[in-house]
Amino acid sequence: MAYEQERSSSSMSGQDPIPTPPSSPRKRRQALRSSEDTEGTMTISEYLAKSDPYRYGCPMTPRPMPLIGINIPKGSPILLVGEKLRDNVKSIVNAHGIFWRSIGLENRTTARQDDVAVETFVVLTLDVNNESWRKAGRECVEMFEQCGFPSLQFEILNPKKCYIPYMFNFPRTHPVITAWSRDTVGEDITAKVKSLLTNKWCVIGVCMYGRTEDTASPTLLITVRQGAFADWFSIYKSLQSVLTEYHIDGLDVDFTPGFVAH
């Protein structure tokens, strides 16, 4: 990864929304997802930012989350681009008072083997997501375009606190799989999800979801359209009630923005 390790002299730019946050990123996210801040109608990006205010992405093209980093091959021309633009990114980030640990260029991709990696400037920080992150992201994207690199993307995150879940396969003998496969339970729940989300959903499925395979938990994961607008808190609570109705214990509900390629 083409990273420059440094610490800016800016002060902390965001206040943690939890005065005494749990030590686990997953528990922090669960607490925030059930807070008053997530209530009301908003875009899926706003809902996720309030559910996990320790990361922010500014992609030009909607991509499934989560994104993971992989090394850019040595000698790649994009590394020269990174050297050329890094000072510009630093200036923008500093101008918004973001306390950063490192700024660098890496390939960001999903866990799918056939997915194409996208070069992304990644800012690692100790801060909490706020308006300065969004402003810095927009300005960096505009700067990339003006410099002739419109495909570059921007991401900023607090790696110690953000959740960054990944998808893992279920063991075939898992009790949730057994319950989901019972009679028409899976079909019935999927139909209820579709009725609640109307035209906002892309993919509905169950998987093990978490930061690592050991800590992943059973989850009804719903990929929704980028920019979808809804009362996600109410939908989340309604889907939890649906799972209780069908006696599927231990299955969480989560949303991720994305799209379906045609």
Protein backbone atom coordinates (compact mmCIF):
# COMPACT_ATOMS: atom_id res chain seq x y z
CA MET A 1 0.00 0.00 0.00
CA ALA A 2 1.28 3.44 -0.89
CA TYR A 3 0.83 4.95 2.57
CA GLU A 4 2.44 7.94 4.15
CA GLN A 5 2.53 7.59 7.92
CA GLU A 6 2.12 10.91 9.68
CA ARG A 7 -0.04 12.65 12.23
CA SER A 8 -1.58 15.99 11.40
CA SER A 9 -1.48 18.80 13.90
CA SER A 10 -5.23 19.34 13.65
CA SER A 11 -7.40 18.80 16.69
CA MET A 12 -9.99 16.06 16.94
CA SER A 13 -12.85 16.97 14.61
CA GLY A 14 -15.67 14.81 15.89
CA GLN A 15 -17.33 13.89 19.17
CA ASP A 16 -18.02 10.23 19.82
CA PRO A 17 -21.81 9.75 19.85
CA ILE A 18 -21.50 7.27 22.74
CA PRO A 19 -19.99 8.87 25.89
CA THR A 20 -18.84 5.47 27.19
CA PRO A 21 -18.82 3.25 24.10
CA PRO A 22 -18.61 -0.57 24.39
CA SER A 23 -15.21 -2.00 23.56
CA SER A 24 -16.53 -4.18 20.73
CA PRO A 25 -17.14 -2.47 17.33
CA ARG A 26 -20.14 -4.76 16.83
CA LYS A 27 -21.67 -3.80 20.20
CA ARG A 28 -20.99 -0.12 19.48
CA ARG A 29 -22.84 -0.45 16.20
CA GLN A 30 -25.74 -2.29 17.83
CA ALA A 31 -26.08 0.48 20.42
CA LEU A 32 -26.01 3.22 17.79
CA ARG A 33 -28.42 1.39 15.49
CA SER A 34 -31.01 1.40 18.27
CA SER A 35 -30.48 5.06 19.18
CA GLU A 36 -32.76 7.99 18.46
CA ASP A 37 -30.27 9.28 15.87
CA THR A 38 -31.23 6.51 13.46
CA GLU A 39 -34.98 7.16 13.69
CA GLY A 40 -36.82 8.88 10.85
CA THR A 41 -36.64 8.86 7.06
CA MET A 42 -33.17 9.16 5.51
CA THR A 43 -30.97 7.70 2.80
CA ILE A 44 -29.32 4.34 3.39
CA SER A 45 -25.92 6.08 3.48
CA GLU A 46 -27.10 8.46 6.22
CA TYR A 47 -28.56 5.56 8.21
CA LEU A 48 -25.35 3.55 8.00
CA ALA A 49 -23.25 6.59 8.89
CA LYS A 50 -25.32 7.08 12.04
CA SER A 51 -25.17 3.34 12.79
CA ASP A 52 -21.40 3.26 12.36
CA PRO A 53 -20.01 6.81 12.44
CA TYR A 54 -16.42 5.69 12.16
CA ARG A 55 -16.16 5.34 8.37
CA TYR A 56 -17.15 7.24 5.25
CA GLY A 57 -16.85 6.41 1.56
CA CYS A 58 -17.31 8.71 -1.41
CA PRO A 59 -17.60 6.43 -4.46
CA MET A 60 -18.48 7.67 -7.93
CA THR A 61 -20.10 4.34 -8.72
CA PRO A 62 -22.22 2.49 -6.12
CA ARG A 63 -20.42 -0.63 -4.96
CA PRO A 64 -21.42 -3.38 -2.55
CA MET A 65 -19.99 -3.05 0.93
CA PRO A 66 -17.83 -3.87 2.68
CA LEU A 67 -14.68 -2.97 0.79
CA ILE A 68 -11.30 -4.48 1.60
CA GLY A 69 -7.83 -3.29 0.71
CA ILE A 70 -5.28 -5.10 -1.44
CA ASN A 71 -1.78 -4.03 -2.43
CA ILE A 72 -1.18 -2.19 -5.68
CA PRO A 73 1.52 -4.04 -7.68
CA LYS A 74 4.94 -2.40 -7.63
CA GLY A 75 5.65 -0.46 -10.79
CA SER A 76 1.99 0.25 -11.44
CA PRO A 77 1.48 3.69 -13.06
CA ILE A 78 -1.23 4.44 -10.52
CA LEU A 79 1.45 4.65 -7.81
CA LEU A 80 2.93 7.65 -9.61
CA VAL A 81 -0.55 9.17 -9.61
CA GLY A 82 -0.70 8.60 -5.87
CA GLU A 83 2.60 10.42 -5.39
CA LYS A 84 1.33 13.30 -7.51
CA LEU A 85 -2.00 13.72 -5.70
CA ARG A 86 -1.14 12.80 -2.09
CA ASP A 87 -0.14 16.36 -1.13
CA ASN A 88 -3.43 17.66 -2.55
CA VAL A 89 -5.39 15.13 -0.49
CA LYS A 90 -3.40 16.04 2.64
CA SER A 91 -4.13 19.74 2.10
CA ILE A 92 -7.87 19.13 1.74
CA VAL A 93 -8.05 16.84 4.77
CA ASN A 94 -6.02 19.27 6.90
CA ALA A 95 -8.15 22.20 5.79
CA HIS A 96 -11.19 20.46 7.29
CA GLY A 97 -9.46 19.85 10.62
CA ILE A 98 -9.37 16.06 10.31
CA PHE A 99 -6.86 14.42 12.65
CA TRP A 100 -5.33 11.75 10.41
CA ARG A 101 -2.87 8.94 11.01
CA SER A 102 -2.04 8.02 7.42
CA ILE A 103 -3.09 8.84 3.88
CA GLY A 104 -2.37 6.48 1.03
CA LEU A 105 -3.53 4.88 -2.17
CA GLU A 106 -4.66 1.27 -2.34
CA ASN A 107 -6.93 -0.99 -4.32
CA ARG A 108 -10.34 -1.40 -2.71
CA THR A 109 -12.56 -4.31 -3.66
CA THR A 110 -15.24 -6.61 -2.31
CA ALA A 111 -14.62 -10.16 -1.11
CA ARG A 112 -15.90 -11.51 -4.45
CA GLN A 113 -13.07 -13.07 -6.44
CA ASP A 114 -14.43 -11.78 -9.76
CA ASP A 115 -14.85 -8.17 -8.64
CA VAL A 116 -12.68 -5.42 -10.08
CA ALA A 117 -10.53 -3.47 -7.64
CA VAL A 118 -10.80 0.34 -7.66
CA GLU A 119 -7.93 2.65 -6.75
CA THR A 120 -8.92 4.61 -3.66
CA PHE A 121 -7.26 7.18 -1.44
CA VAL A 122 -7.75 5.87 2.10
CA VAL A 123 -7.43 8.15 5.13
CA LEU A 124 -6.97 6.45 8.49
CA THR A 125 -8.02 8.63 11.41
CA LEU A 126 -8.88 8.66 15.10
CA ASP A 127 -11.84 10.96 14.50
CA VAL A 128 -15.59 10.36 14.28
CA ASN A 129 -17.56 10.91 11.07
CA ASN A 130 -19.04 14.38 10.78
CA GLU A 131 -19.73 16.99 8.11
CA SER A 132 -16.00 17.64 7.66
CA TRP A 133 -15.54 14.08 6.38
CA ARG A 134 -18.24 14.55 3.76
CA LYS A 135 -16.90 17.93 2.67
CA ALA A 136 -13.35 16.58 2.41
CA GLY A 137 -14.60 13.60 0.41
CA ARG A 138 -16.49 15.75 -2.06
CA GLU A 139 -13.56 18.12 -2.52
CA CYS A 140 -11.12 15.23 -3.06
CA VAL A 141 -13.39 13.67 -5.69
CA GLU A 142 -13.69 17.04 -7.46
CA MET A 143 -9.91 17.44 -7.31
CA PHE A 144 -9.38 13.95 -8.79
CA GLU A 145 -11.65 14.84 -11.70
CA GLN A 146 -9.95 18.21 -12.29
CA CYS A 147 -6.54 16.48 -12.34
CA GLY A 148 -7.74 13.99 -14.94
CA PHE A 149 -8.30 10.95 -12.71
CA PRO A 150 -12.11 10.66 -12.44
CA SER A 151 -12.00 6.96 -11.53
CA LEU A 152 -10.17 7.54 -8.23
CA GLN A 153 -12.28 7.17 -5.10
CA PHE A 154 -12.01 8.34 -1.50
CA GLU A 155 -12.56 6.63 1.84
CA ILE A 156 -11.90 7.68 5.42
CA LEU A 157 -12.22 5.46 8.47
CA ASN A 158 -11.29 4.96 12.08
CA PRO A 159 -9.94 1.38 11.93
CA LYS A 160 -10.07 0.84 15.70
CA LYS A 161 -13.76 1.62 16.03
CA CYS A 162 -15.51 0.95 12.72
CA TYR A 163 -17.37 -2.29 12.26
CA ILE A 164 -16.36 -3.22 8.66
CA PRO A 165 -18.25 -6.52 8.47
CA TYR A 166 -17.62 -9.27 5.92
CA MET A 167 -19.81 -12.06 4.65
CA PHE A 168 -19.07 -15.71 5.41
CA ASN A 169 -20.89 -18.89 4.46
CA PHE A 170 -23.20 -20.69 6.86
CA PRO A 171 -22.31 -24.18 8.06
CA ARG A 172 -24.96 -26.42 6.48
CA THR A 173 -25.97 -27.77 9.88
CA HIS A 174 -26.46 -24.34 11.48
CA PRO A 175 -29.82 -24.08 13.34
CA VAL A 176 -30.72 -20.90 11.43
CA ILE A 177 -30.36 -22.71 8.11
CA THR A 178 -32.56 -25.51 9.44
CA ALA A 179 -35.21 -23.03 10.59
CA TRP A 180 -35.02 -21.01 7.35
CA SER A 181 -35.48 -24.15 5.26
CA ARG A 182 -38.47 -25.39 7.26
CA ASP A 183 -41.60 -25.56 5.06
CA THR A 184 -42.01 -22.15 3.38
CA VAL A 185 -40.41 -20.05 6.16
CA GLY A 186 -37.62 -18.63 3.98
CA GLU A 187 -40.01 -17.81 1.16
CA ASP A 188 -42.50 -16.18 3.53
CA ILE A 189 -39.88 -13.99 5.19
CA THR A 190 -38.43 -12.97 1.81
CA ALA A 191 -41.92 -11.97 0.66
CA LYS A 192 -42.36 -9.80 3.77
CA VAL A 193 -38.99 -8.15 3.18
CA LYS A 194 -40.02 -7.32 -0.38
CA SER A 195 -43.34 -5.88 0.77
CA LEU A 196 -41.61 -3.64 3.33
CA LEU A 197 -38.89 -2.43 0.99
CA THR A 198 -40.94 -2.34 -2.26
CA ASN A 199 -38.49 -1.33 -5.01
CA LYS A 200 -35.59 -0.44 -2.71
CA TRP A 201 -34.00 -3.88 -2.38
CA CYS A 202 -31.51 -5.61 -4.71
CA VAL A 203 -30.52 -8.86 -2.97
CA ILE A 204 -31.97 -10.70 0.04
CA GLY A 205 -30.11 -13.53 1.74
CA VAL A 206 -28.81 -15.05 4.94
CA CYS A 207 -25.13 -15.33 5.80
CA MET A 208 -22.62 -15.15 8.62
CA TYR A 209 -21.75 -11.45 8.94
CA GLY A 210 -19.00 -9.86 11.01
CA ARG A 211 -15.44 -8.55 11.21
CA THR A 212 -13.95 -12.06 11.35
CA GLU A 213 -15.25 -15.55 10.69
CA ASP A 214 -14.93 -16.41 14.39
CA THR A 215 -17.04 -13.44 15.50
CA ALA A 216 -19.54 -13.39 12.60
CA SER A 217 -23.19 -13.85 13.51
CA PRO A 218 -26.20 -15.16 11.54
CA THR A 219 -27.70 -12.24 9.62
CA LEU A 220 -30.53 -11.56 7.22
CA LEU A 221 -28.52 -9.30 4.92
CA ILE A 222 -30.42 -7.04 2.53
CA THR A 223 -28.61 -5.18 -0.22
CA VAL A 224 -30.56 -2.01 -1.03
CA ARG A 225 -30.20 0.44 -3.85
CA GLN A 226 -27.61 3.17 -3.42
CA GLY A 227 -29.37 6.35 -2.32
CA ALA A 228 -32.55 4.52 -1.25
CA PHE A 229 -34.69 6.67 1.07
CA ALA A 230 -36.71 5.11 3.91
CA ASP A 231 -37.31 4.87 7.65
CA TRP A 232 -34.65 2.19 8.07
CA PHE A 233 -34.99 2.05 11.85
CA SER A 234 -38.70 1.15 11.56
CA ILE A 235 -38.00 -1.39 8.82
CA TYR A 236 -35.26 -2.93 10.96
CA LYS A 237 -37.65 -3.27 13.92
CA SER A 238 -40.42 -4.67 11.70
CA LEU A 239 -38.11 -7.32 10.27
CA GLN A 240 -36.98 -8.30 13.74
CA SER A 241 -40.66 -8.84 14.62
CA VAL A 242 -41.08 -10.97 11.49
CA LEU A 243 -38.17 -13.20 12.52
CA THR A 244 -39.65 -13.54 16.01
CA GLU A 245 -43.00 -14.48 14.48
CA TYR A 246 -41.33 -17.33 12.58
CA HIS A 247 -39.34 -18.44 15.64
CA ILE A 248 -35.92 -17.89 14.07
CA ASP A 249 -33.77 -17.15 17.08
CA GLY A 250 -30.37 -15.51 16.83
CA LEU A 251 -30.81 -14.07 13.32
CA ASP A 252 -29.94 -10.39 13.05
CA VAL A 253 -31.00 -7.97 10.30
CA ASP A 254 -28.63 -5.70 8.41
CA PHE A 255 -28.61 -3.48 5.33
CA THR A 256 -25.81 -2.71 2.90
CA PRO A 257 -25.89 -0.40 -0.12
CA GLY A 258 -25.12 -1.82 -3.52
CA PHE A 259 -26.46 -2.61 -6.92
CA VAL A 260 -27.18 -5.54 -9.22
CA ALA A 261 -25.29 -5.66 -12.50
CA HIS A 262 -27.40 -6.53 -15.53
